[in-house]
Amino acid sequence: MIASEGEIPIGGFKIFSYPRNDTPCILIRPAEQSYLAFSRICTHNSCPVAYNSVRGEFDCPCHGGIFSASDGSVLAGPPRRPLPRIRLQRRGGQIVATGVAET
């Protein structure tokens, strides 16, 4: 279980670990009924990305990598691979991580 539905405001986020405690991820809520989750580790040099809800992207402070917050794809910078997406399910008012999607 990552979060309860409604726990995160629209445009907000929550940091969590999945599938292990040493693999940081980020859950975002871009719209009323929409939740998305991705690895928080930049695919270029393993720096933690930050969510920019205004621009709808994840920014890497180390080398300027930019990823789409809608699908994790690379928008700019040195990364060549997208952020891994975390599969989610809703179960009884809870948001649950169920796996890592293949890229």
PDB file of N, CA and C in Angstrom:
ATOM      1  N   MET A   1       0.841  -1.170   0.000  1.00  0.00           N
ATOM      2  CA  MET A   1       0.000   0.000   0.000  1.00  0.00           C
ATOM      3  C   MET A   1       0.891   1.240   0.000  1.00  0.00           C
ATOM      4  N   ILE A   2       0.602   2.142  -0.938  1.00  0.00           N
ATOM      5  CA  ILE A   2       1.396   3.370  -1.056  1.00  0.00           C
ATOM      6  C   ILE A   2       0.704   4.548  -0.379  1.00  0.00           C
ATOM      7  N   ALA A   3      -0.591   4.696  -0.643  1.00  0.00           N
ATOM      8  CA  ALA A   3      -1.341   5.843  -0.126  1.00  0.00           C
ATOM      9  C   ALA A   3      -2.825   5.526  -0.143  1.00  0.00           C
ATOM     10  N   SER A   4      -3.577   6.322   0.583  1.00  0.00           N
ATOM     11  CA  SER A   4      -5.035   6.259   0.530  1.00  0.00           C
ATOM     12  C   SER A   4      -5.513   7.209  -0.548  1.00  0.00           C
ATOM     13  N   GLU A   5      -6.602   6.837  -1.248  1.00  0.00           N
ATOM     14  CA  GLU A   5      -7.174   7.757  -2.224  1.00  0.00           C
ATOM     15  C   GLU A   5      -7.535   9.059  -1.516  1.00  0.00           C
ATOM     16  N   GLY A   6      -7.209  10.173  -2.113  1.00  0.00           N
ATOM     17  CA  GLY A   6      -7.503  11.474  -1.533  1.00  0.00           C
ATOM     18  C   GLY A   6      -6.441  11.991  -0.582  1.00  0.00           C
ATOM     19  N   GLU A   7      -5.486  11.152  -0.208  1.00  0.00           N
ATOM     20  CA  GLU A   7      -4.413  11.574   0.705  1.00  0.00           C
ATOM     21  C   GLU A   7      -3.518  12.636   0.073  1.00  0.00           C
ATOM     22  N   ILE A   8      -3.313  12.518  -1.234  1.00  0.00           N
ATOM     23  CA  ILE A   8      -2.438  13.438  -1.952  1.00  0.00           C
ATOM     24  C   ILE A   8      -3.314  14.448  -2.691  1.00  0.00           C
ATOM     25  N   PRO A   9      -3.058  15.736  -2.534  1.00  0.00           N
ATOM     26  CA  PRO A   9      -3.865  16.725  -3.257  1.00  0.00           C
ATOM     27  C   PRO A   9      -3.585  16.670  -4.761  1.00  0.00           C
ATOM     28  N   ILE A  10      -4.518  17.148  -5.567  1.00  0.00           N
ATOM     29  CA  ILE A  10      -4.293  17.229  -7.008  1.00  0.00           C
ATOM     30  C   ILE A  10      -3.066  18.107  -7.247  1.00  0.00           C
ATOM     31  N   GLY A  11      -2.145  17.605  -8.060  1.00  0.00           N
ATOM     32  CA  GLY A  11      -0.882  18.299  -8.307  1.00  0.00           C
ATOM     33  C   GLY A  11       0.199  17.937  -7.307  1.00  0.00           C
ATOM     34  N   GLY A  12      -0.151  17.124  -6.324  1.00  0.00           N
ATOM     35  CA  GLY A  12       0.801  16.744  -5.286  1.00  0.00           C
ATOM     36  C   GLY A  12       1.487  15.424  -5.574  1.00  0.00           C
ATOM     37  N   PHE A  13       2.343  15.028  -4.646  1.00  0.00           N
ATOM     38  CA  PHE A  13       3.102  13.797  -4.802  1.00  0.00           C
ATOM     39  C   PHE A  13       3.436  13.192  -3.448  1.00  0.00           C
ATOM     40  N   LYS A  14       3.892  11.962  -3.488  1.00  0.00           N
ATOM     41  CA  LYS A  14       4.348  11.268  -2.294  1.00  0.00           C
ATOM     42  C   LYS A  14       5.517  10.382  -2.684  1.00  0.00           C
ATOM     43  N   ILE A  15       6.578  10.422  -1.890  1.00  0.00           N
ATOM     44  CA  ILE A  15       7.748   9.568  -2.100  1.00  0.00           C
ATOM     45  C   ILE A  15       7.505   8.256  -1.361  1.00  0.00           C
ATOM     46  N   PHE A  16       7.842   7.142  -2.006  1.00  0.00           N
ATOM     47  CA  PHE A  16       7.722   5.833  -1.384  1.00  0.00           C
ATOM     48  C   PHE A  16       8.817   4.935  -1.924  1.00  0.00           C
ATOM     49  N   SER A  17       8.983   3.774  -1.371  1.00  0.00           N
ATOM     50  CA  SER A  17       9.973   2.806  -1.838  1.00  0.00           C
ATOM     51  C   SER A  17       9.258   1.588  -2.392  1.00  0.00           C
ATOM     52  N   TYR A  18       9.761   1.090  -3.558  1.00  0.00           N
ATOM     53  CA  TYR A  18       9.182  -0.102  -4.156  1.00  0.00           C
ATOM     54  C   TYR A  18      10.135  -0.618  -5.218  1.00  0.00           C
ATOM     55  N   PRO A  19      10.389  -1.866  -5.344  1.00  0.00           N
ATOM     56  CA  PRO A  19       9.855  -2.967  -4.539  1.00  0.00           C
ATOM     57  C   PRO A  19      10.644  -3.212  -3.255  1.00  0.00           C
ATOM     58  N   ARG A  20      11.789  -2.532  -3.114  1.00  0.00           N
ATOM     59  CA  ARG A  20      12.594  -2.673  -1.894  1.00  0.00           C
ATOM     60  C   ARG A  20      12.727  -1.315  -1.215  1.00  0.00           C
ATOM     61  N   ASN A  21      13.209  -1.316   0.010  1.00  0.00           N
ATOM     62  CA  ASN A  21      13.388  -0.070   0.757  1.00  0.00           C
ATOM     63  C   ASN A  21      14.446   0.846   0.157  1.00  0.00           C
ATOM     64  N   ASP A  22      15.347   0.295  -0.661  1.00  0.00           N
ATOM     65  CA  ASP A  22      16.414   1.115  -1.241  1.00  0.00           C
ATOM     66  C   ASP A  22      16.118   1.537  -2.683  1.00  0.00           C
ATOM     67  N   THR A  23      14.853   1.431  -3.105  1.00  0.00           N
ATOM     68  CA  THR A  23      14.469   1.860  -4.457  1.00  0.00           C
ATOM     69  C   THR A  23      13.377   2.925  -4.363  1.00  0.00           C
ATOM     70  N   PRO A  24      13.785   4.209  -4.288  1.00  0.00           N
ATOM     71  CA  PRO A  24      12.812   5.294  -4.141  1.00  0.00           C
ATOM     72  C   PRO A  24      11.978   5.501  -5.393  1.00  0.00           C
ATOM     73  N   CYS A  25      10.709   5.754  -5.168  1.00  0.00           N
ATOM     74  CA  CYS A  25       9.741   6.001  -6.237  1.00  0.00           C
ATOM     75  C   CYS A  25       8.919   7.226  -5.867  1.00  0.00           C
ATOM     76  N   ILE A  26       8.121   7.681  -6.824  1.00  0.00           N
ATOM     77  CA  ILE A  26       7.284   8.845  -6.588  1.00  0.00           C
ATOM     78  C   ILE A  26       5.887   8.589  -7.147  1.00  0.00           C
ATOM     79  N   LEU A  27       4.894   8.846  -6.319  1.00  0.00           N
ATOM     80  CA  LEU A  27       3.486   8.752  -6.699  1.00  0.00           C
ATOM     81  C   LEU A  27       2.986  10.171  -6.913  1.00  0.00           C
ATOM     82  N   ILE A  28       2.366  10.428  -8.064  1.00  0.00           N
ATOM     83  CA  ILE A  28       1.826  11.756  -8.335  1.00  0.00           C
ATOM     84  C   ILE A  28       0.325  11.651  -8.585  1.00  0.00           C
ATOM     85  N   ARG A  29      -0.352  12.766  -8.360  1.00  0.00           N
ATOM     86  CA  ARG A  29      -1.792  12.848  -8.627  1.00  0.00           C
ATOM     87  C   ARG A  29      -2.024  14.052  -9.539  1.00  0.00           C
ATOM     88  N   PRO A  30      -1.916  13.854 -10.856  1.00  0.00           N
ATOM     89  CA  PRO A  30      -2.056  14.975 -11.776  1.00  0.00           C
ATOM     90  C   PRO A  30      -3.495  15.463 -11.973  1.00  0.00           C
ATOM     91  N   ALA A  31      -4.489  14.631 -11.670  1.00  0.00           N
ATOM     92  CA  ALA A  31      -5.893  15.015 -11.835  1.00  0.00           C
ATOM     93  C   ALA A  31      -6.732  14.293 -10.782  1.00  0.00           C
ATOM     94  N   GLU A  32      -7.997  14.674 -10.684  1.00  0.00           N
ATOM     95  CA  GLU A  32      -8.903  14.143  -9.658  1.00  0.00           C
ATOM     96  C   GLU A  32      -8.849  12.625  -9.517  1.00  0.00           C
ATOM     97  N   GLN A  33      -9.010  11.888 -10.599  1.00  0.00           N
ATOM     98  CA  GLN A  33      -9.060  10.433 -10.541  1.00  0.00           C
ATOM     99  C   GLN A  33      -7.806   9.768 -11.112  1.00  0.00           C
ATOM    100  N   SER A  34      -6.720  10.493 -11.213  1.00  0.00           N
ATOM    101  CA  SER A  34      -5.508   9.978 -11.841  1.00  0.00           C
ATOM    102  C   SER A  34      -4.345   9.900 -10.866  1.00  0.00           C
ATOM    103  N   TYR A  35      -3.747   8.725 -10.787  1.00  0.00           N
ATOM    104  CA  TYR A  35      -2.538   8.503 -10.000  1.00  0.00           C
ATOM    105  C   TYR A  35      -1.534   7.799 -10.898  1.00  0.00           C
ATOM    106  N   LEU A  36      -0.279   8.257 -10.869  1.00  0.00           N
ATOM    107  CA  LEU A  36       0.802   7.647 -11.633  1.00  0.00           C
ATOM    108  C   LEU A  36       2.004   7.504 -10.721  1.00  0.00           C
ATOM    109  N   ALA A  37       2.831   6.494 -10.980  1.00  0.00           N
ATOM    110  CA  ALA A  37       4.031   6.298 -10.170  1.00  0.00           C
ATOM    111  C   ALA A  37       5.189   5.879 -11.058  1.00  0.00           C
ATOM    112  N   PHE A  38       6.377   6.358 -10.684  1.00  0.00           N
ATOM    113  CA  PHE A  38       7.602   6.086 -11.424  1.00  0.00           C
ATOM    114  C   PHE A  38       8.755   5.906 -10.447  1.00  0.00           C
ATOM    115  N   SER A  39       9.815   5.258 -10.936  1.00  0.00           N
ATOM    116  CA  SER A  39      11.061   5.243 -10.178  1.00  0.00           C
ATOM    117  C   SER A  39      11.506   6.689 -10.029  1.00  0.00           C
ATOM    118  N   ARG A  40      12.110   7.007  -8.927  1.00  0.00           N
ATOM    119  CA  ARG A  40      12.587   8.370  -8.698  1.00  0.00           C
ATOM    120  C   ARG A  40      14.058   8.515  -9.091  1.00  0.00           C
ATOM    121  N   ILE A  41      14.657   7.466  -9.599  1.00  0.00           N
ATOM    122  CA  ILE A  41      16.084   7.468  -9.923  1.00  0.00           C
ATOM    123  C   ILE A  41      16.298   7.756 -11.405  1.00  0.00           C
ATOM    124  N   CYS A  42      17.017   8.830 -11.708  1.00  0.00           N
ATOM    125  CA  CYS A  42      17.316   9.194 -13.086  1.00  0.00           C
ATOM    126  C   CYS A  42      18.066   8.052 -13.767  1.00  0.00           C
ATOM    127  N   THR A  43      17.678   7.754 -14.989  1.00  0.00           N
ATOM    128  CA  THR A  43      18.291   6.648 -15.723  1.00  0.00           C
ATOM    129  C   THR A  43      19.662   7.013 -16.297  1.00  0.00           C
ATOM    130  N   HIS A  44      20.088   8.252 -16.120  1.00  0.00           N
ATOM    131  CA  HIS A  44      21.405   8.670 -16.612  1.00  0.00           C
ATOM    132  C   HIS A  44      22.493   8.406 -15.581  1.00  0.00           C
ATOM    133  N   ASN A  45      22.327   8.970 -14.382  1.00  0.00           N
ATOM    134  CA  ASN A  45      23.405   8.874 -13.395  1.00  0.00           C
ATOM    135  C   ASN A  45      22.882   8.616 -11.986  1.00  0.00           C
ATOM    136  N   SER A  46      21.665   8.092 -11.876  1.00  0.00           N
ATOM    137  CA  SER A  46      21.075   7.652 -10.601  1.00  0.00           C
ATOM    138  C   SER A  46      20.812   8.752  -9.589  1.00  0.00           C
ATOM    139  N   CYS A  47      20.655   9.990 -10.028  1.00  0.00           N
ATOM    140  CA  CYS A  47      20.279  11.067  -9.119  1.00  0.00           C
ATOM    141  C   CYS A  47      18.763  11.049  -8.922  1.00  0.00           C
ATOM    142  N   PRO A  48      18.258  11.479  -7.758  1.00  0.00           N
ATOM    143  CA  PRO A  48      16.809  11.506  -7.547  1.00  0.00           C
ATOM    144  C   PRO A  48      16.161  12.667  -8.302  1.00  0.00           C
ATOM    145  N   VAL A  49      15.105  12.363  -9.043  1.00  0.00           N
ATOM    146  CA  VAL A  49      14.385  13.396  -9.786  1.00  0.00           C
ATOM    147  C   VAL A  49      13.361  14.079  -8.885  1.00  0.00           C
ATOM    148  N   ALA A  50      12.976  15.285  -9.271  1.00  0.00           N
ATOM    149  CA  ALA A  50      11.977  16.067  -8.538  1.00  0.00           C
ATOM    150  C   ALA A  50      10.778  16.312  -9.447  1.00  0.00           C
ATOM    151  N   TYR A  51       9.594  16.286  -8.874  1.00  0.00           N
ATOM    152  CA  TYR A  51       8.357  16.495  -9.625  1.00  0.00           C
ATOM    153  C   TYR A  51       8.062  17.972  -9.766  1.00  0.00           C
ATOM    154  N   ASN A  52       7.799  18.414 -10.993  1.00  0.00           N
ATOM    155  CA  ASN A  52       7.388  19.775 -11.272  1.00  0.00           C
ATOM    156  C   ASN A  52       5.961  19.700 -11.806  1.00  0.00           C
ATOM    157  N   SER A  53       4.978  19.923 -10.946  1.00  0.00           N
ATOM    158  CA  SER A  53       3.570  19.774 -11.339  1.00  0.00           C
ATOM    159  C   SER A  53       3.116  20.858 -12.316  1.00  0.00           C
ATOM    160  N   VAL A  54       3.730  22.024 -12.268  1.00  0.00           N
ATOM    161  CA  VAL A  54       3.350  23.111 -13.173  1.00  0.00           C
ATOM    162  C   VAL A  54       3.682  22.741 -14.618  1.00  0.00           C
ATOM    163  N   ARG A  55       4.850  22.157 -14.829  1.00  0.00           N
ATOM    164  CA  ARG A  55       5.275  21.778 -16.181  1.00  0.00           C
ATOM    165  C   ARG A  55       4.938  20.325 -16.521  1.00  0.00           C
ATOM    166  N   GLY A  56       4.474  19.556 -15.547  1.00  0.00           N
ATOM    167  CA  GLY A  56       4.130  18.163 -15.796  1.00  0.00           C
ATOM    168  C   GLY A  56       5.332  17.322 -16.161  1.00  0.00           C
ATOM    169  N   GLU A  57       6.410  17.486 -15.374  1.00  0.00           N
ATOM    170  CA  GLU A  57       7.633  16.743 -15.677  1.00  0.00           C
ATOM    171  C   GLU A  57       8.429  16.461 -14.411  1.00  0.00           C
ATOM    172  N   PHE A  58       9.385  15.559 -14.574  1.00  0.00           N
ATOM    173  CA  PHE A  58      10.350  15.254 -13.520  1.00  0.00           C
ATOM    174  C   PHE A  58      11.682  15.842 -13.958  1.00  0.00           C
ATOM    175  N   ASP A  59      12.330  16.585 -13.082  1.00  0.00           N
ATOM    176  CA  ASP A  59      13.595  17.235 -13.390  1.00  0.00           C
ATOM    177  C   ASP A  59      14.719  16.600 -12.583  1.00  0.00           C
ATOM    178  N   CYS A  60      15.840  16.326 -13.265  1.00  0.00           N
ATOM    179  CA  CYS A  60      17.014  15.798 -12.582  1.00  0.00           C
ATOM    180  C   CYS A  60      17.987  16.946 -12.342  1.00  0.00           C
ATOM    181  N   PRO A  61      18.329  17.220 -11.087  1.00  0.00           N
ATOM    182  CA  PRO A  61      19.198  18.344 -10.786  1.00  0.00           C
ATOM    183  C   PRO A  61      20.675  18.103 -11.123  1.00  0.00           C
ATOM    184  N   CYS A  62      21.074  16.871 -11.346  1.00  0.00           N
ATOM    185  CA  CYS A  62      22.497  16.579 -11.554  1.00  0.00           C
ATOM    186  C   CYS A  62      23.009  16.996 -12.932  1.00  0.00           C
ATOM    187  N   HIS A  63      22.282  16.631 -13.992  1.00  0.00           N
ATOM    188  CA  HIS A  63      22.765  16.924 -15.342  1.00  0.00           C
ATOM    189  C   HIS A  63      21.687  17.489 -16.253  1.00  0.00           C
ATOM    190  N   GLY A  64      20.559  17.929 -15.691  1.00  0.00           N
ATOM    191  CA  GLY A  64      19.534  18.589 -16.473  1.00  0.00           C
ATOM    192  C   GLY A  64      18.582  17.688 -17.237  1.00  0.00           C
ATOM    193  N   GLY A  65      18.523  16.418 -16.879  1.00  0.00           N
ATOM    194  CA  GLY A  65      17.579  15.517 -17.530  1.00  0.00           C
ATOM    195  C   GLY A  65      16.151  15.900 -17.188  1.00  0.00           C
ATOM    196  N   ILE A  66      15.253  15.752 -18.160  1.00  0.00           N
ATOM    197  CA  ILE A  66      13.841  16.061 -17.954  1.00  0.00           C
ATOM    198  C   ILE A  66      13.023  14.895 -18.502  1.00  0.00           C
ATOM    199  N   PHE A  67      12.062  14.437 -17.701  1.00  0.00           N
ATOM    200  CA  PHE A  67      11.203  13.316 -18.059  1.00  0.00           C
ATOM    201  C   PHE A  67       9.747  13.747 -18.007  1.00  0.00           C
ATOM    202  N   SER A  68       8.928  13.188 -18.874  1.00  0.00           N
ATOM    203  CA  SER A  68       7.491  13.447 -18.869  1.00  0.00           C
ATOM    204  C   SER A  68       6.856  12.808 -17.633  1.00  0.00           C
ATOM    205  N   ALA A  69       5.992  13.558 -16.967  1.00  0.00           N
ATOM    206  CA  ALA A  69       5.274  13.011 -15.812  1.00  0.00           C
ATOM    207  C   ALA A  69       4.071  12.185 -16.243  1.00  0.00           C
ATOM    208  N   SER A  70       3.742  12.174 -17.530  1.00  0.00           N
ATOM    209  CA  SER A  70       2.607  11.371 -17.978  1.00  0.00           C
ATOM    210  C   SER A  70       3.004   9.951 -18.351  1.00  0.00           C
ATOM    211  N   ASP A  71       4.250   9.771 -18.825  1.00  0.00           N
ATOM    212  CA  ASP A  71       4.675   8.419 -19.206  1.00  0.00           C
ATOM    213  C   ASP A  71       6.133   8.090 -18.877  1.00  0.00           C
ATOM    214  N   GLY A  72       6.867   9.037 -18.303  1.00  0.00           N
ATOM    215  CA  GLY A  72       8.257   8.794 -17.916  1.00  0.00           C
ATOM    216  C   GLY A  72       9.253   8.935 -19.049  1.00  0.00           C
ATOM    217  N   SER A  73       8.789   9.291 -20.251  1.00  0.00           N
ATOM    218  CA  SER A  73       9.694   9.397 -21.399  1.00  0.00           C
ATOM    219  C   SER A  73      10.673  10.559 -21.219  1.00  0.00           C
ATOM    220  N   VAL A  74      11.809  10.448 -21.890  1.00  0.00           N
ATOM    221  CA  VAL A  74      12.834  11.485 -21.831  1.00  0.00           C
ATOM    222  C   VAL A  74      12.406  12.662 -22.700  1.00  0.00           C
ATOM    223  N   LEU A  75      12.423  13.860 -22.114  1.00  0.00           N
ATOM    224  CA  LEU A  75      12.079  15.082 -22.853  1.00  0.00           C
ATOM    225  C   LEU A  75      13.320  15.888 -23.212  1.00  0.00           C
ATOM    226  N   ALA A  76      14.371  15.808 -22.378  1.00  0.00           N
ATOM    227  CA  ALA A  76      15.598  16.575 -22.630  1.00  0.00           C
ATOM    228  C   ALA A  76      16.730  16.050 -21.766  1.00  0.00           C
ATOM    229  N   GLY A  77      17.928  16.428 -22.170  1.00  0.00           N
ATOM    230  CA  GLY A  77      19.105  16.113 -21.379  1.00  0.00           C
ATOM    231  C   GLY A  77      19.781  14.814 -21.773  1.00  0.00           C
ATOM    232  N   PRO A  78      20.726  14.407 -20.970  1.00  0.00           N
ATOM    233  CA  PRO A  78      21.517  13.225 -21.307  1.00  0.00           C
ATOM    234  C   PRO A  78      20.836  11.866 -21.119  1.00  0.00           C
ATOM    235  N   PRO A  79      19.772  11.700 -20.328  1.00  0.00           N
ATOM    236  CA  PRO A  79      19.207  10.350 -20.199  1.00  0.00           C
ATOM    237  C   PRO A  79      18.727   9.817 -21.551  1.00  0.00           C
ATOM    238  N   ARG A  80      18.928   8.532 -21.783  1.00  0.00           N
ATOM    239  CA  ARG A  80      18.479   7.894 -23.025  1.00  0.00           C
ATOM    240  C   ARG A  80      17.295   6.958 -22.786  1.00  0.00           C
ATOM    241  N   ARG A  81      17.091   6.574 -21.528  1.00  0.00           N
ATOM    242  CA  ARG A  81      16.014   5.645 -21.196  1.00  0.00           C
ATOM    243  C   ARG A  81      14.966   6.351 -20.334  1.00  0.00           C
ATOM    244  N   PRO A  82      13.696   5.985 -20.477  1.00  0.00           N
ATOM    245  CA  PRO A  82      12.630   6.585 -19.662  1.00  0.00           C
ATOM    246  C   PRO A  82      12.720   6.131 -18.210  1.00  0.00           C
ATOM    247  N   LEU A  83      12.023   6.843 -17.357  1.00  0.00           N
ATOM    248  CA  LEU A  83      11.893   6.404 -15.967  1.00  0.00           C
ATOM    249  C   LEU A  83      11.001   5.166 -15.933  1.00  0.00           C
ATOM    250  N   PRO A  84      11.393   4.139 -15.191  1.00  0.00           N
ATOM    251  CA  PRO A  84      10.511   2.973 -15.071  1.00  0.00           C
ATOM    252  C   PRO A  84       9.196   3.358 -14.391  1.00  0.00           C
ATOM    253  N   ARG A  85       8.103   2.882 -14.966  1.00  0.00           N
ATOM    254  CA  ARG A  85       6.774   3.165 -14.414  1.00  0.00           C
ATOM    255  C   ARG A  85       6.376   2.059 -13.454  1.00  0.00           C
ATOM    256  N   ILE A  86       5.781   2.446 -12.350  1.00  0.00           N
ATOM    257  CA  ILE A  86       5.288   1.501 -11.346  1.00  0.00           C
ATOM    258  C   ILE A  86       3.807   1.256 -11.632  1.00  0.00           C
ATOM    259  N   ARG A  87       3.427  -0.013 -11.793  1.00  0.00           N
ATOM    260  CA  ARG A  87       2.017  -0.346 -12.010  1.00  0.00           C
ATOM    261  C   ARG A  87       1.256  -0.170 -10.701  1.00  0.00           C
ATOM    262  N   LEU A  88       0.052   0.383 -10.825  1.00  0.00           N
ATOM    263  CA  LEU A  88      -0.788   0.661  -9.656  1.00  0.00           C
ATOM    264  C   LEU A  88      -2.145  -0.001  -9.799  1.00  0.00           C
ATOM    265  N   GLN A  89      -2.754  -0.297  -8.648  1.00  0.00           N
ATOM    266  CA  GLN A  89      -4.144  -0.730  -8.578  1.00  0.00           C
ATOM    267  C   GLN A  89      -4.798   0.001  -7.417  1.00  0.00           C
ATOM    268  N   ARG A  90      -6.103   0.169  -7.529  1.00  0.00           N
ATOM    269  CA  ARG A  90      -6.891   0.714  -6.415  1.00  0.00           C
ATOM    270  C   ARG A  90      -7.615  -0.445  -5.767  1.00  0.00           C
ATOM    271  N   ARG A  91      -7.465  -0.550  -4.462  1.00  0.00           N
ATOM    272  CA  ARG A  91      -8.096  -1.627  -3.698  1.00  0.00           C
ATOM    273  C   ARG A  91      -8.739  -1.043  -2.448  1.00  0.00           C
ATOM    274  N   GLY A  92     -10.050  -0.973  -2.462  1.00  0.00           N
ATOM    275  CA  GLY A  92     -10.770  -0.506  -1.275  1.00  0.00           C
ATOM    276  C   GLY A  92     -10.316   0.841  -0.772  1.00  0.00           C
ATOM    277  N   GLY A  93     -10.129   1.792  -1.665  1.00  0.00           N
ATOM    278  CA  GLY A  93      -9.720   3.134  -1.250  1.00  0.00           C
ATOM    279  C   GLY A  93      -8.222   3.307  -1.053  1.00  0.00           C
ATOM    280  N   GLN A  94      -7.460   2.286  -1.385  1.00  0.00           N
ATOM    281  CA  GLN A  94      -6.000   2.336  -1.242  1.00  0.00           C
ATOM    282  C   GLN A  94      -5.339   2.282  -2.617  1.00  0.00           C
ATOM    283  N   ILE A  95      -4.201   2.944  -2.756  1.00  0.00           N
ATOM    284  CA  ILE A  95      -3.383   2.866  -3.957  1.00  0.00           C
ATOM    285  C   ILE A  95      -2.274   1.860  -3.636  1.00  0.00           C
ATOM    286  N   VAL A  96      -2.172   0.811  -4.462  1.00  0.00           N
ATOM    287  CA  VAL A  96      -1.233  -0.275  -4.204  1.00  0.00           C
ATOM    288  C   VAL A  96      -0.301  -0.443  -5.401  1.00  0.00           C
ATOM    289  N   ALA A  97       1.009  -0.578  -5.144  1.00  0.00           N
ATOM    290  CA  ALA A  97       1.971  -0.883  -6.200  1.00  0.00           C
ATOM    291  C   ALA A  97       1.907  -2.377  -6.478  1.00  0.00           C
ATOM    292  N   THR A  98       1.876  -2.733  -7.779  1.00  0.00           N
ATOM    293  CA  THR A  98       1.737  -4.148  -8.149  1.00  0.00           C
ATOM    294  C   THR A  98       2.858  -4.660  -9.046  1.00  0.00           C
ATOM    295  N   GLY A  99       3.803  -3.810  -9.407  1.00  0.00           N
ATOM    296  CA  GLY A  99       4.913  -4.250 -10.257  1.00  0.00           C
ATOM    297  C   GLY A  99       5.544  -3.095 -10.978  1.00  0.00           C
ATOM    298  N   VAL A 100       6.592  -3.415 -11.720  1.00  0.00           N
ATOM    299  CA  VAL A 100       7.297  -2.420 -12.525  1.00  0.00           C
ATOM    300  C   VAL A 100       7.021  -2.749 -13.985  1.00  0.00           C
ATOM    301  N   ALA A 101       6.524  -1.780 -14.733  1.00  0.00           N
ATOM    302  CA  ALA A 101       6.200  -1.983 -16.144  1.00  0.00           C
ATOM    303  C   ALA A 101       7.492  -2.093 -16.954  1.00  0.00           C
ATOM    304  N   GLU A 102       7.471  -2.939 -17.948  1.00  0.00           N
ATOM    305  CA  GLU A 102       8.603  -3.080 -18.857  1.00  0.00           C
ATOM    306  C   GLU A 102       8.715  -1.831 -19.718  1.00  0.00           C
ATOM    307  N   THR A 103       9.932  -1.359 -19.952  1.00  0.00           N
ATOM    308  CA  THR A 103      10.126  -0.169 -20.801  1.00  0.00           C
ATOM    309  C   THR A 103      10.628  -0.551 -22.158  1.00  0.00           C
TER     310      THR A 103
END
